[in-house]
Amino acid sequence: MTDRTPSTPNHQIPILDRSREMHLLHEALARAQMEERLREAELHRRAAHVRAARKMKRRAEVASLRARRALALAVMQ
């Protein structure tokens, strides 16, 4: 008789290891995809913030020009 336990023959151990490795690979792939999606979402959020800031800046510049014109007209009269 040998000291091996009969419940786990040698031929099953590599299969379990490969199955575990595949599971871990799938988890790593899912994690990487999720991180990429989070990066994309952050980039889109930043881009939207920049667009909104530029739009507000343009509106402020237009309002400033209108105020200057109104002041110039008021001073001239």
Protein backbone atom coordinates (compact mmCIF):
# COMPACT_ATOMS: atom_id res chain seq x y z
CA MET A 1 0.00 0.00 0.00
CA THR A 2 1.04 3.61 -0.58
CA ASP A 3 0.68 6.70 1.58
CA ARG A 4 -1.51 8.51 -0.97
CA THR A 5 -5.08 9.18 -0.01
CA PRO A 6 -7.49 7.36 -2.30
CA SER A 7 -9.93 10.30 -2.50
CA THR A 8 -7.55 12.52 -4.54
CA PRO A 9 -5.70 10.63 -7.25
CA ASN A 10 -2.70 12.35 -8.80
CA HIS A 11 -4.39 12.88 -12.17
CA GLN A 12 -7.08 15.17 -10.66
CA ILE A 13 -4.77 17.69 -8.98
CA PRO A 14 -3.46 19.36 -12.18
CA ILE A 15 -7.01 19.64 -13.53
CA LEU A 16 -8.14 21.43 -10.37
CA ASP A 17 -5.11 23.72 -10.57
CA ARG A 18 -5.85 24.56 -14.21
CA SER A 19 -9.50 25.16 -13.41
CA ARG A 20 -8.51 27.50 -10.58
CA GLU A 21 -6.02 29.29 -12.83
CA MET A 22 -8.68 29.78 -15.50
CA HIS A 23 -11.08 31.14 -12.90
CA LEU A 24 -8.43 33.56 -11.69
CA LEU A 25 -7.68 34.60 -15.29
CA HIS A 26 -11.36 35.32 -15.89
CA GLU A 27 -11.49 37.36 -12.68
CA ALA A 28 -8.40 39.32 -13.69
CA LEU A 29 -9.86 40.00 -17.14
CA ALA A 30 -13.16 41.17 -15.65
CA ARG A 31 -11.28 43.41 -13.20
CA ALA A 32 -9.18 44.92 -16.00
CA GLN A 33 -12.27 45.57 -18.12
CA MET A 34 -14.03 47.22 -15.19
CA GLU A 35 -11.01 49.42 -14.48
CA GLU A 36 -10.91 50.45 -18.15
CA ARG A 37 -14.61 51.36 -18.07
CA LEU A 38 -14.05 53.41 -14.91
CA ARG A 39 -11.17 55.27 -16.61
CA GLU A 40 -13.35 55.97 -19.64
CA ALA A 41 -16.19 57.23 -17.44
CA GLU A 42 -13.77 59.52 -15.60
CA LEU A 43 -12.45 60.90 -18.90
CA HIS A 44 -15.97 61.56 -20.14
CA ARG A 45 -16.84 63.27 -16.86
CA ARG A 46 -13.77 65.50 -17.06
CA ALA A 47 -14.49 66.35 -20.70
CA ALA A 48 -18.07 67.33 -19.83
CA HIS A 49 -16.75 69.48 -16.98
CA VAL A 50 -14.30 71.26 -19.32
CA ARG A 51 -17.05 71.84 -21.91
CA ALA A 52 -19.33 73.32 -19.26
CA ALA A 53 -16.52 75.57 -17.96
CA ARG A 54 -15.78 76.84 -21.48
CA LYS A 55 -19.47 77.55 -22.08
CA MET A 56 -19.72 79.50 -18.81
CA LYS A 57 -16.57 81.43 -19.70
CA ARG A 58 -18.02 82.44 -23.09
CA ARG A 59 -21.27 83.54 -21.44
CA ALA A 60 -19.33 85.61 -18.90
CA GLU A 61 -17.30 87.25 -21.68
CA VAL A 62 -20.48 88.14 -23.60
CA ALA A 63 -22.08 89.54 -20.46
CA SER A 64 -18.94 91.57 -19.77
CA LEU A 65 -18.99 93.04 -23.28
CA ARG A 66 -22.67 93.95 -22.93
CA ALA A 67 -21.99 95.64 -19.61
CA ARG A 68 -19.10 97.64 -21.10
CA ARG A 69 -21.26 98.75 -24.02
CA ALA A 70 -24.09 99.75 -21.71
CA LEU A 71 -21.68 101.72 -19.51
CA ALA A 72 -20.12 103.43 -22.53
CA LEU A 73 -23.58 104.39 -23.83
CA ALA A 74 -24.57 105.69 -20.41
CA VAL A 75 -21.41 107.79 -20.11
CA MET A 76 -21.81 109.27 -23.61
CA GLN A 77 -25.35 110.49 -22.98
